[in-house]
Amino acid sequence: MDQTVFRYDADGCVSQQSRSGALAALTLLTSYNQLLAPPDVRGSLGGLLSALPPPCLAGCCRTHGPLSVPTAPLLSPGSCEGEVYRRRGEKRPIPAELKDEKYFERRRRNNQAAKKSRDARRMREDQIAWRACVLEQENASLRAHVAALRQEALALRALLAAQAPHASIAHTAHPVPPAPPHTQPAPTSTTSD
């Protein structure tokens, strides 16, 4: 079964591609991951974002390079009157006097949490792609089985159709008398008198 997959190109435009179910799921997840990565991370993690598909999909999958997402803000700085405009995730310089042991501990914990989150996401993606691959293989096997059963049914129908004219001629030439009505035998005594 083919599905239409929407991918976002460098200009933020949507393009359609027709793909199989497993490949569509993998492509969609990859597309989402590339959209969620911040612009400064996308360059350094380009190799990770365009990870290879599982081995069962390698034959039908073409890996695409990482996609870039437009970084223009949705709101212009002048649209929020009276507020200081700052994009979410924008880095602000930390003065050297605030970089104490507590700061470095927070940074270390944040980096560990980010790595744990990335690893968990990567594992979920791999599990989804693997499950989709298994389901595709099972689907192909079931389709082949259904096709074989249909062929068998057609062959049996043809055999019945070939025998039907002979059976009707034989039936009219020698009519079979109706079976006598079924009567129950008289009960017999099993005890000795």
N, C-alpha and C. Protein backbone atom coordinates (compact mmCIF):
# COMPACT_ATOMS: atom_id res chain seq x y z
N MET A 1 0.85 -1.17 0.00
CA MET A 1 0.00 0.00 0.00
C MET A 1 0.89 1.23 0.00
N ASP A 2 0.70 2.13 -0.93
CA ASP A 2 1.50 3.34 -1.04
C ASP A 2 0.83 4.45 -0.26
N GLN A 3 1.65 5.29 0.32
CA GLN A 3 1.15 6.44 1.03
C GLN A 3 1.85 7.66 0.48
N THR A 4 1.23 8.80 0.63
CA THR A 4 1.84 10.04 0.20
C THR A 4 2.52 10.65 1.40
N VAL A 5 3.79 10.97 1.24
CA VAL A 5 4.58 11.52 2.33
C VAL A 5 4.87 12.97 2.00
N PHE A 6 4.72 13.84 2.99
CA PHE A 6 5.01 15.24 2.80
C PHE A 6 6.36 15.53 3.42
N ARG A 7 7.26 16.15 2.65
CA ARG A 7 8.58 16.54 3.16
C ARG A 7 8.72 18.04 3.03
N TYR A 8 9.44 18.63 3.95
CA TYR A 8 9.69 20.06 3.93
C TYR A 8 11.06 20.31 3.33
N ASP A 9 11.10 21.15 2.30
CA ASP A 9 12.38 21.45 1.69
C ASP A 9 13.00 22.68 2.35
N ALA A 10 14.10 23.14 1.80
CA ALA A 10 14.86 24.23 2.41
C ALA A 10 14.06 25.52 2.49
N ASP A 11 13.11 25.72 1.61
CA ASP A 11 12.31 26.95 1.64
C ASP A 11 11.08 26.82 2.50
N GLY A 12 10.89 25.69 3.16
CA GLY A 12 9.70 25.49 3.98
C GLY A 12 8.52 25.02 3.16
N CYS A 13 8.74 24.72 1.87
CA CYS A 13 7.66 24.25 1.02
C CYS A 13 7.47 22.76 1.21
N VAL A 14 6.28 22.31 0.93
CA VAL A 14 5.96 20.91 1.11
C VAL A 14 6.05 20.21 -0.23
N SER A 15 6.71 19.04 -0.26
CA SER A 15 6.74 18.23 -1.47
C SER A 15 6.15 16.87 -1.16
N GLN A 16 5.50 16.27 -2.15
CA GLN A 16 4.85 14.98 -1.95
C GLN A 16 5.71 13.89 -2.55
N GLN A 17 5.74 12.75 -1.87
CA GLN A 17 6.42 11.58 -2.39
C GLN A 17 5.57 10.38 -2.04
N SER A 18 5.46 9.45 -2.96
CA SER A 18 4.70 8.24 -2.71
C SER A 18 5.66 7.16 -2.23
N ARG A 19 5.41 6.60 -1.08
CA ARG A 19 6.30 5.62 -0.48
C ARG A 19 5.50 4.49 0.14
N SER A 20 6.19 3.39 0.44
CA SER A 20 5.56 2.29 1.15
C SER A 20 5.42 2.68 2.62
N GLY A 21 4.66 1.91 3.40
CA GLY A 21 4.36 2.26 4.78
C GLY A 21 5.57 2.43 5.67
N ALA A 22 6.50 1.48 5.64
CA ALA A 22 7.67 1.56 6.52
C ALA A 22 8.55 2.74 6.13
N LEU A 23 8.75 2.91 4.85
CA LEU A 23 9.59 4.00 4.39
C LEU A 23 8.91 5.34 4.66
N ALA A 24 7.60 5.37 4.53
CA ALA A 24 6.87 6.61 4.81
C ALA A 24 7.03 7.00 6.28
N ALA A 25 6.93 6.01 7.18
CA ALA A 25 7.08 6.30 8.61
C ALA A 25 8.49 6.80 8.91
N LEU A 26 9.49 6.15 8.33
CA LEU A 26 10.87 6.54 8.56
C LEU A 26 11.13 7.94 8.01
N THR A 27 10.63 8.22 6.83
CA THR A 27 10.83 9.53 6.21
C THR A 27 10.14 10.62 7.03
N LEU A 28 8.94 10.33 7.50
CA LEU A 28 8.20 11.30 8.29
C LEU A 28 8.92 11.60 9.60
N LEU A 29 9.41 10.56 10.27
CA LEU A 29 10.14 10.78 11.52
C LEU A 29 11.41 11.57 11.29
N THR A 30 12.13 11.26 10.22
CA THR A 30 13.35 11.99 9.92
C THR A 30 13.03 13.45 9.64
N SER A 31 11.97 13.68 8.91
CA SER A 31 11.56 15.05 8.59
C SER A 31 11.22 15.82 9.86
N TYR A 32 10.49 15.18 10.78
CA TYR A 32 10.14 15.84 12.04
C TYR A 32 11.38 16.15 12.87
N ASN A 33 12.31 15.21 12.92
CA ASN A 33 13.52 15.43 13.70
C ASN A 33 14.30 16.61 13.16
N GLN A 34 14.35 16.74 11.84
CA GLN A 34 15.10 17.84 11.25
C GLN A 34 14.39 19.16 11.50
N LEU A 35 13.09 19.13 11.59
CA LEU A 35 12.36 20.37 11.86
C LEU A 35 12.50 20.79 13.31
N LEU A 36 12.66 19.83 14.21
CA LEU A 36 12.72 20.14 15.63
C LEU A 36 14.11 20.56 16.09
N ALA A 37 15.14 20.21 15.34
CA ALA A 37 16.50 20.55 15.75
C ALA A 37 16.75 22.04 15.57
N PRO A 38 17.33 22.69 16.56
CA PRO A 38 17.64 24.12 16.42
C PRO A 38 18.68 24.33 15.32
N PRO A 39 18.69 25.52 14.68
CA PRO A 39 19.60 25.76 13.55
C PRO A 39 21.06 25.57 13.90
N ASP A 40 21.51 25.97 15.11
CA ASP A 40 22.92 25.85 15.45
C ASP A 40 23.32 24.39 15.68
N VAL A 41 22.38 23.55 16.05
CA VAL A 41 22.67 22.13 16.27
C VAL A 41 22.59 21.36 14.97
N ARG A 42 21.76 21.80 14.05
CA ARG A 42 21.53 21.07 12.81
C ARG A 42 22.83 20.90 12.02
N GLY A 43 23.68 21.91 12.03
CA GLY A 43 24.94 21.80 11.29
C GLY A 43 25.87 20.76 11.89
N SER A 44 25.97 20.72 13.22
CA SER A 44 26.91 19.79 13.85
C SER A 44 26.35 18.37 13.91
N LEU A 45 25.04 18.21 13.86
CA LEU A 45 24.45 16.88 13.94
C LEU A 45 23.88 16.41 12.62
N GLY A 46 24.32 17.02 11.51
CA GLY A 46 23.79 16.66 10.20
C GLY A 46 23.91 15.17 9.92
N GLY A 47 25.04 14.58 10.30
CA GLY A 47 25.23 13.15 10.07
C GLY A 47 24.27 12.30 10.87
N LEU A 48 23.95 12.72 12.09
CA LEU A 48 23.03 11.95 12.92
C LEU A 48 21.59 12.07 12.45
N LEU A 49 21.23 13.25 11.94
CA LEU A 49 19.85 13.46 11.53
C LEU A 49 19.51 12.68 10.27
N SER A 50 20.51 12.40 9.45
CA SER A 50 20.24 11.62 8.24
C SER A 50 20.77 10.20 8.44
N ALA A 51 20.42 9.60 9.57
CA ALA A 51 20.90 8.26 9.90
C ALA A 51 20.38 7.26 8.89
N LEU A 52 21.14 6.17 8.76
CA LEU A 52 20.75 5.13 7.81
C LEU A 52 19.51 4.41 8.31
N PRO A 53 18.66 3.95 7.40
CA PRO A 53 17.49 3.18 7.80
C PRO A 53 17.91 1.79 8.24
N PRO A 54 17.01 1.03 8.88
CA PRO A 54 17.35 -0.34 9.26
C PRO A 54 17.68 -1.17 8.04
N PRO A 55 18.43 -2.27 8.21
CA PRO A 55 18.88 -3.06 7.06
C PRO A 55 17.76 -3.55 6.16
N CYS A 56 16.59 -3.84 6.73
CA CYS A 56 15.51 -4.36 5.90
C CYS A 56 14.93 -3.30 4.98
N LEU A 57 15.20 -2.02 5.27
CA LEU A 57 14.68 -0.95 4.42
C LEU A 57 15.75 -0.39 3.49
N ALA A 58 16.99 -0.82 3.65
CA ALA A 58 18.09 -0.21 2.91
C ALA A 58 17.91 -0.34 1.40
N GLY A 59 17.31 -1.43 0.93
CA GLY A 59 17.15 -1.62 -0.50
C GLY A 59 16.18 -0.65 -1.14
N CYS A 60 15.15 -0.24 -0.41
CA CYS A 60 14.12 0.61 -1.00
C CYS A 60 14.21 2.04 -0.54
N CYS A 61 15.21 2.36 0.25
CA CYS A 61 15.29 3.70 0.83
C CYS A 61 16.46 4.47 0.25
N ARG A 62 16.22 5.71 -0.06
CA ARG A 62 17.29 6.60 -0.46
C ARG A 62 17.44 7.63 0.66
N THR A 63 18.59 7.70 1.25
CA THR A 63 18.75 8.67 2.34
C THR A 63 18.91 10.05 1.75
N HIS A 64 18.33 10.99 2.38
CA HIS A 64 18.41 12.38 1.96
C HIS A 64 19.25 13.14 2.97
N GLY A 65 19.92 14.15 2.50
CA GLY A 65 20.71 14.97 3.40
C GLY A 65 19.79 15.73 4.34
N PRO A 66 20.35 16.29 5.38
CA PRO A 66 19.51 17.01 6.32
C PRO A 66 18.82 18.20 5.66
N LEU A 67 17.62 18.44 6.09
CA LEU A 67 16.85 19.55 5.56
C LEU A 67 17.10 20.79 6.40
N SER A 68 17.08 21.93 5.78
CA SER A 68 17.20 23.15 6.56
C SER A 68 15.82 23.79 6.65
N VAL A 69 15.57 24.37 7.77
CA VAL A 69 14.30 25.02 8.02
C VAL A 69 14.55 26.51 8.09
N PRO A 70 13.66 27.29 7.51
CA PRO A 70 13.87 28.73 7.58
C PRO A 70 13.91 29.19 9.03
N THR A 71 14.86 30.07 9.35
CA THR A 71 15.02 30.50 10.73
C THR A 71 14.39 31.86 10.98
N ALA A 72 13.61 32.36 10.04
CA ALA A 72 12.96 33.66 10.23
C ALA A 72 11.92 33.52 11.34
N PRO A 73 11.89 34.45 12.28
CA PRO A 73 10.92 34.36 13.36
C PRO A 73 9.50 34.59 12.84
N LEU A 74 8.54 33.98 13.54
CA LEU A 74 7.15 34.14 13.15
C LEU A 74 6.65 35.54 13.48
N LEU A 75 7.15 36.12 14.55
CA LEU A 75 6.77 37.47 14.94
C LEU A 75 7.95 38.40 14.71
N SER A 76 7.67 39.53 14.18
CA SER A 76 8.76 40.49 13.98
C SER A 76 9.04 41.20 15.31
N PRO A 77 10.26 41.71 15.48
CA PRO A 77 10.58 42.36 16.75
C PRO A 77 9.67 43.54 17.06
N GLY A 78 9.14 44.21 16.06
CA GLY A 78 8.28 45.35 16.31
C GLY A 78 6.84 44.97 16.63
N SER A 79 6.47 43.71 16.49
CA SER A 79 5.08 43.33 16.70
C SER A 79 4.70 43.27 18.16
N CYS A 80 5.66 43.09 19.05
CA CYS A 80 5.37 43.05 20.49
C CYS A 80 5.81 44.37 21.08
N GLU A 81 4.92 45.33 21.12
CA GLU A 81 5.25 46.66 21.64
C GLU A 81 5.49 46.57 23.15
N GLY A 82 6.55 47.20 23.60
CA GLY A 82 6.82 47.26 25.03
C GLY A 82 7.53 46.02 25.57
N GLU A 83 7.64 44.97 24.78
CA GLU A 83 8.30 43.75 25.26
C GLU A 83 9.65 43.61 24.57
N VAL A 84 10.59 43.06 25.28
CA VAL A 84 11.88 42.78 24.68
C VAL A 84 11.74 41.47 23.93
N TYR A 85 12.05 41.51 22.64
CA TYR A 85 11.89 40.31 21.81
C TYR A 85 13.11 39.43 21.96
N ARG A 86 12.87 38.17 22.31
CA ARG A 86 13.94 37.19 22.36
C ARG A 86 13.37 35.86 21.89
N ARG A 87 14.01 35.30 20.87
CA ARG A 87 13.58 34.00 20.37
C ARG A 87 13.79 32.96 21.46
N ARG A 88 12.90 31.97 21.45
CA ARG A 88 13.07 30.88 22.41
C ARG A 88 14.34 30.11 22.04
N GLY A 89 15.14 29.79 23.02
CA GLY A 89 16.35 29.05 22.78
C GLY A 89 17.53 29.92 22.37
N GLU A 90 17.30 31.22 22.29
CA GLU A 90 18.40 32.12 21.92
C GLU A 90 19.39 32.16 23.07
N LYS A 91 20.65 32.07 22.74
CA LYS A 91 21.67 32.07 23.78
C LYS A 91 21.93 33.49 24.27
N ARG A 92 22.04 33.63 25.57
CA ARG A 92 22.44 34.91 26.12
C ARG A 92 23.78 34.69 26.82
N PRO A 93 24.65 35.61 26.68
CA PRO A 93 25.97 35.44 27.31
C PRO A 93 25.85 35.48 28.83
N ILE A 94 26.57 34.57 29.46
CA ILE A 94 26.59 34.52 30.92
C ILE A 94 27.87 35.21 31.38
N PRO A 95 27.73 36.17 32.24
CA PRO A 95 28.94 36.86 32.74
C PRO A 95 29.84 35.86 33.48
N ALA A 96 31.13 36.10 33.43
CA ALA A 96 32.10 35.20 34.04
C ALA A 96 31.90 35.08 35.55
N GLU A 97 31.44 36.17 36.18
CA GLU A 97 31.29 36.12 37.65
C GLU A 97 30.12 35.20 38.08
N LEU A 98 29.17 34.89 37.14
CA LEU A 98 28.07 34.00 37.48
C LEU A 98 28.38 32.53 37.19
N LYS A 99 29.51 32.28 36.54
CA LYS A 99 29.87 30.90 36.20
C LYS A 99 30.60 30.26 37.38
N ASP A 100 29.82 29.90 38.37
CA ASP A 100 30.40 29.25 39.53
C ASP A 100 30.19 27.74 39.44
N GLU A 101 30.47 27.05 40.51
CA GLU A 101 30.34 25.59 40.53
C GLU A 101 28.89 25.16 40.28
N LYS A 102 27.96 25.93 40.82
CA LYS A 102 26.53 25.62 40.64
C LYS A 102 26.14 25.69 39.16
N TYR A 103 26.64 26.70 38.47
CA TYR A 103 26.35 26.89 37.05
C TYR A 103 26.86 25.70 36.24
N PHE A 104 28.11 25.31 36.50
CA PHE A 104 28.68 24.20 35.74
C PHE A 104 27.98 22.88 36.06
N GLU A 105 27.50 22.73 37.29
CA GLU A 105 26.72 21.52 37.63
C GLU A 105 25.40 21.51 36.87
N ARG A 106 24.72 22.66 36.79
CA ARG A 106 23.48 22.75 36.01
C ARG A 106 23.74 22.43 34.54
N ARG A 107 24.82 22.98 33.99
CA ARG A 107 25.14 22.72 32.59
C ARG A 107 25.41 21.23 32.36
N ARG A 108 26.13 20.61 33.29
CA ARG A 108 26.45 19.19 33.15
C ARG A 108 25.17 18.35 33.20
N ARG A 109 24.27 18.68 34.14
CA ARG A 109 23.01 17.93 34.24
C ARG A 109 22.14 18.16 33.01
N ASN A 110 22.13 19.40 32.52
CA ASN A 110 21.34 19.69 31.32
C ASN A 110 21.89 18.94 30.10
N ASN A 111 23.19 18.90 29.97
CA ASN A 111 23.79 18.17 28.85
C ASN A 111 23.48 16.68 28.95
N GLN A 112 23.52 16.12 30.17
CA GLN A 112 23.19 14.71 30.34
C GLN A 112 21.73 14.45 29.98
N ALA A 113 20.83 15.36 30.42
CA ALA A 113 19.41 15.18 30.11
C ALA A 113 19.16 15.29 28.61
N ALA A 114 19.84 16.22 27.95
CA ALA A 114 19.68 16.37 26.50
C ALA A 114 20.18 15.12 25.78
N LYS A 115 21.31 14.57 26.22
CA LYS A 115 21.83 13.36 25.60
C LYS A 115 20.88 12.19 25.83
N LYS A 116 20.35 12.09 27.05
CA LYS A 116 19.40 11.01 27.36
C LYS A 116 18.15 11.13 26.49
N SER A 117 17.67 12.35 26.31
CA SER A 117 16.48 12.59 25.48
C SER A 117 16.75 12.23 24.02
N ARG A 118 17.92 12.63 23.51
CA ARG A 118 18.27 12.29 22.12
C ARG A 118 18.38 10.79 21.93
N ASP A 119 19.02 10.13 22.90
CA ASP A 119 19.16 8.67 22.80
C ASP A 119 17.81 7.98 22.85
N ALA A 120 16.93 8.45 23.74
CA ALA A 120 15.59 7.85 23.84
C ALA A 120 14.81 8.06 22.55
N ARG A 121 14.90 9.26 21.97
CA ARG A 121 14.21 9.53 20.71
C ARG A 121 14.75 8.65 19.59
N ARG A 122 16.07 8.53 19.53
CA ARG A 122 16.69 7.68 18.51
C ARG A 122 16.25 6.23 18.68
N MET A 123 16.15 5.77 19.92
CA MET A 123 15.73 4.40 20.18
C MET A 123 14.27 4.21 19.76
N ARG A 124 13.41 5.19 20.08
CA ARG A 124 11.99 5.10 19.66
C ARG A 124 11.89 5.06 18.14
N GLU A 125 12.67 5.89 17.47
CA GLU A 125 12.64 5.90 16.00
C GLU A 125 13.08 4.56 15.44
N ASP A 126 14.14 4.00 16.02
CA ASP A 126 14.63 2.70 15.55
C ASP A 126 13.58 1.62 15.78
N GLN A 127 12.92 1.66 16.94
CA GLN A 127 11.88 0.67 17.23
C GLN A 127 10.71 0.81 16.27
N ILE A 128 10.32 2.04 15.98
CA ILE A 128 9.20 2.25 15.06
C ILE A 128 9.58 1.77 13.66
N ALA A 129 10.78 2.10 13.23
CA ALA A 129 11.22 1.66 11.89
C ALA A 129 11.33 0.14 11.83
N TRP A 130 11.85 -0.48 12.90
CA TRP A 130 11.97 -1.94 12.93
C TRP A 130 10.59 -2.58 12.90
N ARG A 131 9.67 -2.06 13.71
CA ARG A 131 8.31 -2.62 13.76
C ARG A 131 7.62 -2.44 12.41
N ALA A 132 7.81 -1.29 11.79
CA ALA A 132 7.22 -1.06 10.46
C ALA A 132 7.80 -2.05 9.45
N CYS A 133 9.10 -2.31 9.56
CA CYS A 133 9.73 -3.26 8.65
C CYS A 133 9.15 -4.66 8.86
N VAL A 134 9.00 -5.07 10.12
CA VAL A 134 8.44 -6.39 10.41
C VAL A 134 7.01 -6.49 9.88
N LEU A 135 6.23 -5.44 10.09
CA LEU A 135 4.85 -5.44 9.61
C LEU A 135 4.79 -5.46 8.09
N GLU A 136 5.71 -4.77 7.43
CA GLU A 136 5.75 -4.81 5.96
C GLU A 136 6.04 -6.22 5.48
N GLN A 137 6.99 -6.89 6.14
CA GLN A 137 7.33 -8.27 5.74
C GLN A 137 6.15 -9.20 6.00
N GLU A 138 5.50 -9.03 7.15
CA GLU A 138 4.33 -9.87 7.45
C GLU A 138 3.21 -9.61 6.45
N ASN A 139 3.02 -8.35 6.11
CA ASN A 139 1.99 -7.98 5.13
C ASN A 139 2.28 -8.62 3.78
N ALA A 140 3.54 -8.57 3.35
CA ALA A 140 3.92 -9.18 2.07
C ALA A 140 3.68 -10.69 2.10
N SER A 141 4.02 -11.32 3.22
CA SER A 141 3.81 -12.76 3.36
C SER A 141 2.32 -13.10 3.30
N LEU A 142 1.51 -12.32 4.01
CA LEU A 142 0.06 -12.57 4.01
C LEU A 142 -0.54 -12.32 2.63
N ARG A 143 -0.06 -11.30 1.94
CA ARG A 143 -0.56 -11.04 0.58
C ARG A 143 -0.22 -12.19 -0.35
N ALA A 144 0.99 -12.74 -0.21
CA ALA A 144 1.38 -13.89 -1.04
C ALA A 144 0.50 -15.10 -0.72
N HIS A 145 0.20 -15.29 0.56
CA HIS A 145 -0.65 -16.41 0.96
C HIS A 145 -2.06 -16.24 0.40
N VAL A 146 -2.60 -15.03 0.47
CA VAL A 146 -3.93 -14.76 -0.07
C VAL A 146 -3.94 -14.99 -1.58
N ALA A 147 -2.88 -14.56 -2.26
CA ALA A 147 -2.80 -14.77 -3.71
C ALA A 147 -2.78 -16.26 -4.04
N ALA A 148 -2.03 -17.05 -3.26
CA ALA A 148 -1.98 -18.50 -3.49
C ALA A 148 -3.35 -19.13 -3.25
N LEU A 149 -4.04 -18.69 -2.20
CA LEU A 149 -5.37 -19.22 -1.92
C LEU A 149 -6.36 -18.85 -3.02
N ARG A 150 -6.24 -17.64 -3.55
CA ARG A 150 -7.13 -17.24 -4.65
C ARG A 150 -6.87 -18.10 -5.89
N GLN A 151 -5.59 -18.36 -6.17
CA GLN A 151 -5.26 -19.22 -7.31
C GLN A 151 -5.83 -20.61 -7.10
N GLU A 152 -5.72 -21.12 -5.89
CA GLU A 152 -6.27 -22.45 -5.59
C GLU A 152 -7.79 -22.45 -5.76
N ALA A 153 -8.45 -21.40 -5.29
CA ALA A 153 -9.90 -21.31 -5.43
C ALA A 153 -10.29 -21.25 -6.91
N LEU A 154 -9.55 -20.49 -7.71
CA LEU A 154 -9.84 -20.42 -9.14
C LEU A 154 -9.66 -21.80 -9.80
N ALA A 155 -8.61 -22.50 -9.41
CA ALA A 155 -8.36 -23.83 -9.99
C ALA A 155 -9.48 -24.79 -9.61
N LEU A 156 -9.93 -24.73 -8.35
CA LEU A 156 -11.01 -25.61 -7.91
C LEU A 156 -12.33 -25.26 -8.61
N ARG A 157 -12.58 -23.97 -8.81
CA ARG A 157 -13.79 -23.57 -9.53
C ARG A 157 -13.76 -24.07 -10.97
N ALA A 158 -12.59 -23.95 -11.58
CA ALA A 158 -12.45 -24.44 -12.96
C ALA A 158 -12.67 -25.95 -13.01
N LEU A 159 -12.15 -26.66 -12.03
CA LEU A 159 -12.34 -28.11 -11.97
C LEU A 159 -13.81 -28.45 -11.79
N LEU A 160 -14.50 -27.73 -10.92
CA LEU A 160 -15.94 -27.95 -10.73
C LEU A 160 -16.72 -27.61 -12.00
N ALA A 161 -16.33 -26.53 -12.65
CA ALA A 161 -17.02 -26.13 -13.88
C ALA A 161 -16.80 -27.17 -14.98
N ALA A 162 -15.62 -27.76 -15.02
CA ALA A 162 -15.33 -28.78 -16.02
C ALA A 162 -16.11 -30.07 -15.73
N GLN A 163 -16.33 -30.37 -14.48
CA GLN A 163 -17.05 -31.59 -14.11
C GLN A 163 -18.56 -31.39 -14.11
N ALA A 164 -19.05 -30.19 -14.03
CA ALA A 164 -20.48 -29.93 -13.95
C ALA A 164 -21.24 -30.42 -15.17
N PRO A 165 -20.80 -30.20 -16.41
CA PRO A 165 -21.56 -30.73 -17.56
C PRO A 165 -21.60 -32.25 -17.55
N HIS A 166 -20.54 -32.93 -17.19
CA HIS A 166 -20.53 -34.39 -17.14
C HIS A 166 -21.47 -34.91 -16.06
N ALA A 167 -21.51 -34.23 -14.93
CA ALA A 167 -22.37 -34.67 -13.83
C ALA A 167 -23.84 -34.51 -14.20
N SER A 168 -24.20 -33.45 -14.91
CA SER A 168 -25.60 -33.24 -15.28
C SER A 168 -26.04 -34.26 -16.32
N ILE A 169 -25.15 -34.63 -17.27
CA ILE A 169 -25.48 -35.66 -18.27
C ILE A 169 -25.65 -37.01 -17.60
N ALA A 170 -24.76 -37.36 -16.70
CA ALA A 170 -24.85 -38.65 -16.00
C ALA A 170 -26.09 -38.68 -15.11
N HIS A 171 -26.45 -37.59 -14.55
CA HIS A 171 -27.61 -37.53 -13.66
C HIS A 171 -28.91 -37.75 -14.44
N THR A 172 -29.01 -37.20 -15.64
CA THR A 172 -30.24 -37.37 -16.42
C THR A 172 -30.32 -38.75 -17.08
N ALA A 173 -29.17 -39.37 -17.38
CA ALA A 173 -29.19 -40.68 -18.02
C ALA A 173 -29.59 -41.78 -17.04
N HIS A 174 -29.12 -41.76 -15.87
CA HIS A 174 -29.42 -42.77 -14.85
C HIS A 174 -29.93 -42.08 -13.60
N PRO A 175 -31.22 -41.85 -13.51
CA PRO A 175 -31.72 -41.17 -12.33
C PRO A 175 -31.53 -42.06 -11.10
N VAL A 176 -31.14 -41.45 -10.05
CA VAL A 176 -30.93 -42.17 -8.80
C VAL A 176 -32.24 -42.14 -8.03
N PRO A 177 -32.73 -43.33 -7.60
CA PRO A 177 -33.99 -43.34 -6.85
C PRO A 177 -33.79 -42.65 -5.52
N PRO A 178 -34.84 -42.02 -5.02
CA PRO A 178 -34.71 -41.34 -3.73
C PRO A 178 -34.45 -42.36 -2.62
N ALA A 179 -33.72 -41.97 -1.64
CA ALA A 179 -33.40 -42.85 -0.52
C ALA A 179 -34.65 -43.09 0.31
N PRO A 180 -34.82 -44.29 0.83
CA PRO A 180 -35.98 -44.55 1.68
C PRO A 180 -35.88 -43.72 2.95
N PRO A 181 -37.04 -43.40 3.51
CA PRO A 181 -36.98 -42.60 4.74
C PRO A 181 -36.26 -43.38 5.83
N HIS A 182 -35.57 -42.66 6.61
CA HIS A 182 -34.76 -43.26 7.66
C HIS A 182 -35.66 -43.65 8.83
N THR A 183 -35.67 -44.91 9.15
CA THR A 183 -36.46 -45.40 10.28
C THR A 183 -35.52 -45.95 11.32
N GLN A 184 -35.92 -45.82 12.53
CA GLN A 184 -35.08 -46.33 13.61
C GLN A 184 -35.36 -47.82 13.81
N PRO A 185 -34.33 -48.61 14.02
CA PRO A 185 -34.54 -50.04 14.26
C PRO A 185 -35.23 -50.25 15.61
N ALA A 186 -35.88 -51.36 15.70
CA ALA A 186 -36.58 -51.70 16.94
C ALA A 186 -35.55 -51.93 18.03
N PRO A 187 -35.86 -51.53 19.23
CA PRO A 187 -34.89 -51.73 20.30
C PRO A 187 -34.71 -53.22 20.58
N THR A 188 -33.50 -53.58 20.80
CA THR A 188 -33.20 -54.97 21.14
C THR A 188 -32.82 -55.04 22.59
N SER A 189 -33.17 -56.11 23.18
CA SER A 189 -32.90 -56.29 24.59
C SER A 189 -31.51 -56.88 24.74
N THR A 190 -30.75 -56.35 25.61
CA THR A 190 -29.40 -56.85 25.84
C THR A 190 -29.36 -57.76 27.08
N THR A 191 -30.47 -57.87 27.75
CA THR A 191 -30.48 -58.73 28.95
C THR A 191 -30.98 -60.11 28.56
N SER A 192 -30.49 -61.08 29.22
CA SER A 192 -30.93 -62.45 28.92
C SER A 192 -32.14 -62.79 29.77
N ASP A 193 -33.14 -63.47 29.15
CA ASP A 193 -34.37 -63.82 29.89
C ASP A 193 -34.29 -65.20 30.43
